[in-house]
Amino acid sequence: MEIGPIVGLVVFMVFFIVLVYLVLKMDKGFINEMKNKPLEGDHEPGQPNLKDELT
């Protein structure tokens, strides 16, 4: 039995579990703040977008 595929599967599963844990633990206020930010070219007149803030 080869060990390579088993190690790859274990690494993938650990990464996936850690990623799911971090997403579930993330602050919901931060998620709502990011959700309400306008996308590039999708902003209302008079509202600055990220491109304006960075220059």
PDB file of N, CA and C in Angstrom:
ATOM      1  N   MET A   1       0.853  -1.185   0.000  1.00  0.00           N
ATOM      2  CA  MET A   1       0.000   0.000   0.000  1.00  0.00           C
ATOM      3  C   MET A   1       0.893   1.240   0.000  1.00  0.00           C
ATOM      4  N   GLU A   2       0.573   2.181  -0.878  1.00  0.00           N
ATOM      5  CA  GLU A   2       1.376   3.396  -0.981  1.00  0.00           C
ATOM      6  C   GLU A   2       0.961   4.413   0.072  1.00  0.00           C
ATOM      7  N   ILE A   3       1.930   5.155   0.583  1.00  0.00           N
ATOM      8  CA  ILE A   3       1.672   6.128   1.642  1.00  0.00           C
ATOM      9  C   ILE A   3       1.376   7.518   1.070  1.00  0.00           C
ATOM     10  N   GLY A   4       1.828   7.813  -0.160  1.00  0.00           N
ATOM     11  CA  GLY A   4       1.671   9.139  -0.764  1.00  0.00           C
ATOM     12  C   GLY A   4       0.230   9.620  -0.842  1.00  0.00           C
ATOM     13  N   PRO A   5      -0.680   8.826  -1.423  1.00  0.00           N
ATOM     14  CA  PRO A   5      -2.075   9.280  -1.500  1.00  0.00           C
ATOM     15  C   PRO A   5      -2.718   9.473  -0.128  1.00  0.00           C
ATOM     16  N   ILE A   6      -2.337   8.659   0.827  1.00  0.00           N
ATOM     17  CA  ILE A   6      -2.897   8.788   2.175  1.00  0.00           C
ATOM     18  C   ILE A   6      -2.429  10.092   2.811  1.00  0.00           C
ATOM     19  N   VAL A   7      -1.141  10.412   2.657  1.00  0.00           N
ATOM     20  CA  VAL A   7      -0.609  11.666   3.202  1.00  0.00           C
ATOM     21  C   VAL A   7      -1.284  12.855   2.526  1.00  0.00           C
ATOM     22  N   GLY A   8      -1.465  12.799   1.218  1.00  0.00           N
ATOM     23  CA  GLY A   8      -2.135  13.874   0.493  1.00  0.00           C
ATOM     24  C   GLY A   8      -3.560  14.070   0.972  1.00  0.00           C
ATOM     25  N   LEU A   9      -4.271  12.980   1.182  1.00  0.00           N
ATOM     26  CA  LEU A   9      -5.644  13.063   1.672  1.00  0.00           C
ATOM     27  C   LEU A   9      -5.697  13.652   3.076  1.00  0.00           C
ATOM     28  N   VAL A  10      -4.780  13.238   3.940  1.00  0.00           N
ATOM     29  CA  VAL A  10      -4.747  13.762   5.311  1.00  0.00           C
ATOM     30  C   VAL A  10      -4.449  15.260   5.297  1.00  0.00           C
ATOM     31  N   VAL A  11      -3.484  15.688   4.483  1.00  0.00           N
ATOM     32  CA  VAL A  11      -3.154  17.118   4.398  1.00  0.00           C
ATOM     33  C   VAL A  11      -4.357  17.905   3.893  1.00  0.00           C
ATOM     34  N   PHE A  12      -5.033  17.412   2.867  1.00  0.00           N
ATOM     35  CA  PHE A  12      -6.214  18.087   2.343  1.00  0.00           C
ATOM     36  C   PHE A  12      -7.311  18.176   3.396  1.00  0.00           C
ATOM     37  N   MET A  13      -7.575  17.086   4.091  1.00  0.00           N
ATOM     38  CA  MET A  13      -8.633  17.084   5.101  1.00  0.00           C
ATOM     39  C   MET A  13      -8.320  18.040   6.244  1.00  0.00           C
ATOM     40  N   VAL A  14      -7.061  18.055   6.701  1.00  0.00           N
ATOM     41  CA  VAL A  14      -6.678  18.976   7.782  1.00  0.00           C
ATOM     42  C   VAL A  14      -6.857  20.414   7.315  1.00  0.00           C
ATOM     43  N   PHE A  15      -6.402  20.738   6.103  1.00  0.00           N
ATOM     44  CA  PHE A  15      -6.559  22.086   5.564  1.00  0.00           C
ATOM     45  C   PHE A  15      -8.034  22.462   5.480  1.00  0.00           C
ATOM     46  N   PHE A  16      -8.870  21.567   4.962  1.00  0.00           N
ATOM     47  CA  PHE A  16     -10.299  21.828   4.811  1.00  0.00           C
ATOM     48  C   PHE A  16     -10.965  22.042   6.163  1.00  0.00           C
ATOM     49  N   ILE A  17     -10.646  21.216   7.145  1.00  0.00           N
ATOM     50  CA  ILE A  17     -11.243  21.337   8.477  1.00  0.00           C
ATOM     51  C   ILE A  17     -10.821  22.647   9.136  1.00  0.00           C
ATOM     52  N   VAL A  18      -9.547  23.013   9.013  1.00  0.00           N
ATOM     53  CA  VAL A  18      -9.073  24.282   9.593  1.00  0.00           C
ATOM     54  C   VAL A  18      -9.760  25.458   8.908  1.00  0.00           C
ATOM     55  N   LEU A  19      -9.911  25.408   7.593  1.00  0.00           N
ATOM     56  CA  LEU A  19     -10.564  26.485   6.861  1.00  0.00           C
ATOM     57  C   LEU A  19     -12.024  26.634   7.284  1.00  0.00           C
ATOM     58  N   VAL A  20     -12.746  25.539   7.412  1.00  0.00           N
ATOM     59  CA  VAL A  20     -14.143  25.589   7.860  1.00  0.00           C
ATOM     60  C   VAL A  20     -14.219  26.145   9.276  1.00  0.00           C
ATOM     61  N   TYR A  21     -13.308  25.738  10.150  1.00  0.00           N
ATOM     62  CA  TYR A  21     -13.283  26.247  11.521  1.00  0.00           C
ATOM     63  C   TYR A  21     -13.071  27.762  11.536  1.00  0.00           C
ATOM     64  N   LEU A  22     -12.124  28.254  10.739  1.00  0.00           N
ATOM     65  CA  LEU A  22     -11.845  29.692  10.720  1.00  0.00           C
ATOM     66  C   LEU A  22     -13.029  30.487  10.176  1.00  0.00           C
ATOM     67  N   VAL A  23     -13.701  29.964   9.167  1.00  0.00           N
ATOM     68  CA  VAL A  23     -14.864  30.659   8.606  1.00  0.00           C
ATOM     69  C   VAL A  23     -15.994  30.710   9.626  1.00  0.00           C
ATOM     70  N   LEU A  24     -16.233  29.612  10.323  1.00  0.00           N
ATOM     71  CA  LEU A  24     -17.309  29.597  11.314  1.00  0.00           C
ATOM     72  C   LEU A  24     -16.978  30.466  12.521  1.00  0.00           C
ATOM     73  N   LYS A  25     -15.697  30.605  12.845  1.00  0.00           N
ATOM     74  CA  LYS A  25     -15.271  31.389  14.002  1.00  0.00           C
ATOM     75  C   LYS A  25     -15.162  32.880  13.678  1.00  0.00           C
ATOM     76  N   MET A  26     -15.160  33.232  12.382  1.00  0.00           N
ATOM     77  CA  MET A  26     -14.967  34.617  11.953  1.00  0.00           C
ATOM     78  C   MET A  26     -16.061  35.517  12.521  1.00  0.00           C
ATOM     79  N   ASP A  27     -15.674  36.741  12.850  1.00  0.00           N
ATOM     80  CA  ASP A  27     -16.598  37.722  13.411  1.00  0.00           C
ATOM     81  C   ASP A  27     -17.696  38.050  12.393  1.00  0.00           C
ATOM     82  N   LYS A  28     -18.941  37.915  12.796  1.00  0.00           N
ATOM     83  CA  LYS A  28     -20.058  38.158  11.889  1.00  0.00           C
ATOM     84  C   LYS A  28     -20.145  39.627  11.494  1.00  0.00           C
ATOM     85  N   GLY A  29     -19.710  40.541  12.370  1.00  0.00           N
ATOM     86  CA  GLY A  29     -19.690  41.959  12.027  1.00  0.00           C
ATOM     87  C   GLY A  29     -18.742  42.238  10.878  1.00  0.00           C
ATOM     88  N   PHE A  30     -17.587  41.569  10.867  1.00  0.00           N
ATOM     89  CA  PHE A  30     -16.624  41.733   9.775  1.00  0.00           C
ATOM     90  C   PHE A  30     -17.215  41.226   8.465  1.00  0.00           C
ATOM     91  N   ILE A  31     -17.926  40.110   8.527  1.00  0.00           N
ATOM     92  CA  ILE A  31     -18.547  39.556   7.320  1.00  0.00           C
ATOM     93  C   ILE A  31     -19.587  40.530   6.777  1.00  0.00           C
ATOM     94  N   ASN A  32     -20.422  41.102   7.651  1.00  0.00           N
ATOM     95  CA  ASN A  32     -21.431  42.061   7.204  1.00  0.00           C
ATOM     96  C   ASN A  32     -20.787  43.323   6.644  1.00  0.00           C
ATOM     97  N   GLU A  33     -19.684  43.771   7.252  1.00  0.00           N
ATOM     98  CA  GLU A  33     -18.982  44.953   6.755  1.00  0.00           C
ATOM     99  C   GLU A  33     -18.435  44.699   5.350  1.00  0.00           C
ATOM    100  N   MET A  34     -17.828  43.537   5.143  1.00  0.00           N
ATOM    101  CA  MET A  34     -17.286  43.208   3.829  1.00  0.00           C
ATOM    102  C   MET A  34     -18.402  43.006   2.801  1.00  0.00           C
ATOM    103  N   LYS A  35     -19.539  42.461   3.257  1.00  0.00           N
ATOM    104  CA  LYS A  35     -20.662  42.222   2.355  1.00  0.00           C
ATOM    105  C   LYS A  35     -21.232  43.542   1.841  1.00  0.00           C
ATOM    106  N   ASN A  36     -21.193  44.586   2.660  1.00  0.00           N
ATOM    107  CA  ASN A  36     -21.784  45.865   2.286  1.00  0.00           C
ATOM    108  C   ASN A  36     -20.830  46.773   1.527  1.00  0.00           C
ATOM    109  N   LYS A  37     -19.570  46.383   1.369  1.00  0.00           N
ATOM    110  CA  LYS A  37     -18.624  47.201   0.603  1.00  0.00           C
ATOM    111  C   LYS A  37     -18.952  47.086  -0.880  1.00  0.00           C
ATOM    112  N   PRO A  38     -18.859  48.210  -1.598  1.00  0.00           N
ATOM    113  CA  PRO A  38     -19.144  48.146  -3.039  1.00  0.00           C
ATOM    114  C   PRO A  38     -18.014  47.468  -3.795  1.00  0.00           C
ATOM    115  N   LEU A  39     -18.373  46.796  -4.867  1.00  0.00           N
ATOM    116  CA  LEU A  39     -17.378  46.204  -5.745  1.00  0.00           C
ATOM    117  C   LEU A  39     -16.847  47.278  -6.689  1.00  0.00           C
ATOM    118  N   GLU A  40     -15.721  47.011  -7.328  1.00  0.00           N
ATOM    119  CA  GLU A  40     -15.133  47.975  -8.251  1.00  0.00           C
ATOM    120  C   GLU A  40     -16.114  48.276  -9.381  1.00  0.00           C
ATOM    121  N   GLY A  41     -16.381  49.556  -9.602  1.00  0.00           N
ATOM    122  CA  GLY A  41     -17.305  49.958 -10.652  1.00  0.00           C
ATOM    123  C   GLY A  41     -18.758  49.801 -10.255  1.00  0.00           C
ATOM    124  N   ASP A  42     -19.021  49.401  -9.041  1.00  0.00           N
ATOM    125  CA  ASP A  42     -20.386  49.167  -8.570  1.00  0.00           C
ATOM    126  C   ASP A  42     -20.656  50.048  -7.355  1.00  0.00           C
ATOM    127  N   HIS A  43     -20.362  51.343  -7.486  1.00  0.00           N
ATOM    128  CA  HIS A  43     -20.574  52.236  -6.356  1.00  0.00           C
ATOM    129  C   HIS A  43     -21.519  53.358  -6.754  1.00  0.00           C
ATOM    130  N   GLU A  44     -22.177  53.905  -5.744  1.00  0.00           N
ATOM    131  CA  GLU A  44     -23.105  54.996  -5.978  1.00  0.00           C
ATOM    132  C   GLU A  44     -22.321  56.287  -6.167  1.00  0.00           C
ATOM    133  N   PRO A  45     -22.841  57.207  -6.965  1.00  0.00           N
ATOM    134  CA  PRO A  45     -22.151  58.490  -7.125  1.00  0.00           C
ATOM    135  C   PRO A  45     -22.006  59.195  -5.777  1.00  0.00           C
ATOM    136  N   GLY A  46     -20.843  59.768  -5.561  1.00  0.00           N
ATOM    137  CA  GLY A  46     -20.586  60.451  -4.296  1.00  0.00           C
ATOM    138  C   GLY A  46     -19.976  59.554  -3.246  1.00  0.00           C
ATOM    139  N   GLN A  47     -20.005  58.255  -3.459  1.00  0.00           N
ATOM    140  CA  GLN A  47     -19.410  57.308  -2.520  1.00  0.00           C
ATOM    141  C   GLN A  47     -18.032  56.912  -3.042  1.00  0.00           C
ATOM    142  N   PRO A  48     -16.991  57.023  -2.216  1.00  0.00           N
ATOM    143  CA  PRO A  48     -15.663  56.609  -2.686  1.00  0.00           C
ATOM    144  C   PRO A  48     -15.591  55.093  -2.834  1.00  0.00           C
ATOM    145  N   ASN A  49     -14.799  54.628  -3.787  1.00  0.00           N
ATOM    146  CA  ASN A  49     -14.564  53.196  -3.900  1.00  0.00           C
ATOM    147  C   ASN A  49     -13.121  52.905  -3.531  1.00  0.00           C
ATOM    148  N   LEU A  50     -12.737  51.656  -3.524  1.00  0.00           N
ATOM    149  CA  LEU A  50     -11.394  51.286  -3.082  1.00  0.00           C
ATOM    150  C   LEU A  50     -10.320  51.916  -3.956  1.00  0.00           C
ATOM    151  N   LYS A  51     -10.569  52.048  -5.240  1.00  0.00           N
ATOM    152  CA  LYS A  51      -9.574  52.634  -6.131  1.00  0.00           C
ATOM    153  C   LYS A  51      -9.327  54.096  -5.743  1.00  0.00           C
ATOM    154  N   ASP A  52     -10.398  54.836  -5.382  1.00  0.00           N
ATOM    155  CA  ASP A  52     -10.247  56.223  -4.953  1.00  0.00           C
ATOM    156  C   ASP A  52      -9.503  56.313  -3.630  1.00  0.00           C
ATOM    157  N   GLU A  53      -9.730  55.362  -2.731  1.00  0.00           N
ATOM    158  CA  GLU A  53      -9.093  55.391  -1.418  1.00  0.00           C
ATOM    159  C   GLU A  53      -7.609  55.082  -1.506  1.00  0.00           C
ATOM    160  N   LEU A  54      -7.191  54.267  -2.472  1.00  0.00           N
ATOM    161  CA  LEU A  54      -5.796  53.853  -2.565  1.00  0.00           C
ATOM    162  C   LEU A  54      -4.922  54.871  -3.282  1.00  0.00           C
ATOM    163  N   THR A  55      -5.516  55.784  -4.050  1.00  0.00           N
ATOM    164  CA  THR A  55      -4.695  56.751  -4.791  1.00  0.00           C
ATOM    165  C   THR A  55      -4.552  58.039  -4.046  1.00  0.00           C
TER     166      THR A  55
END
